[in-house]
Amino acid sequence: MNMEKPGDQPGPGLHPGDERKVSAAVESVVQLGQTVVPATESNVFCLTIIGQIEGHLMLPPQNKTTKYEHVIPQLVAAEQNPKIEGLLMVLNTVGGDVEAGLAIAEMISSMSKPKVAIVLGGGHSIGVPIAVSADYTFIAETATMTIHPIRLSGLIIGVPQTFEYLEKMQERVVRFVTRHSKIGEETFKELMFKTGELTRDIGTTVIGSDAVKHGLIDEVGGLGDALRHLNGLIAERKTTQGAVVQ
């Protein structure tokens, strides 16, 4: 007679090892809302810039954030990995810390591999320099980008040096954007200091085709367009490298 204790074997219908699979499936549902996640080896690294860009101070736990201390090591790894041939950057951000955002933008622009960005939903504030740091940029037809002057939060010492520092930081943003896009400095500053469009604030919100018209973004398009263009840049880079080696 088999005298097995309850717990000696998995529950009804479960074989050894199935419990781990069930646990993984439950975790997938909790984290991603689906049981099966498409897994494929890709030569493209997808970087998502979402929510608020977190700087040196930690934001409240209920905020969705992009942390620069997470993004920068990923970019270094993507640059070093020979299997990664291109970077696809997807933005839906409200902006955030200026220095952290500029650090991410500078890292992306200095990568040697082809880079394509797509703005979905929004690429506001310091998200603008991050978007234009790619080699080629797309924006969804309904996506928006808010351009406004830099603001300081927290305790501000009301001395001339504070405002000089603020102006210098703002010039860094303007120089970066105009250097990495087709928009002119005069046009960008005009959008930045426009009054009457944003409630209780100065600046401009540009939507889809308007961002392209101003020269901020290269083209209106979606995910398929972005991947198609990135694959073209990757193929072009391979051809160029092959010609140099020969």
Foldseek 3Di string as FASTA:
>chain_A
DDDDDPPPADDPPDHPPVVVLVVQQVVCCVPPVGRDDDDDQDLEAEAEAEWEEDDPDDDDPVTDYDYLVVQLVVLVCLLPDPSRQEYEYEYDYQYYDQVSLVVLLVSLLPRPHAYEYEYEAEQEDSSLSNQLSGLAYAYAQFYKYWAAQDDDDDDDDPDPVRVVVSVVSRVVSLVSQVVRWVADSVLSVCQHADPDPDPPGGHHMAGGVRCCVRGSHVYYDDDVVRVVVSVVRSVVVVVVVVVVVD
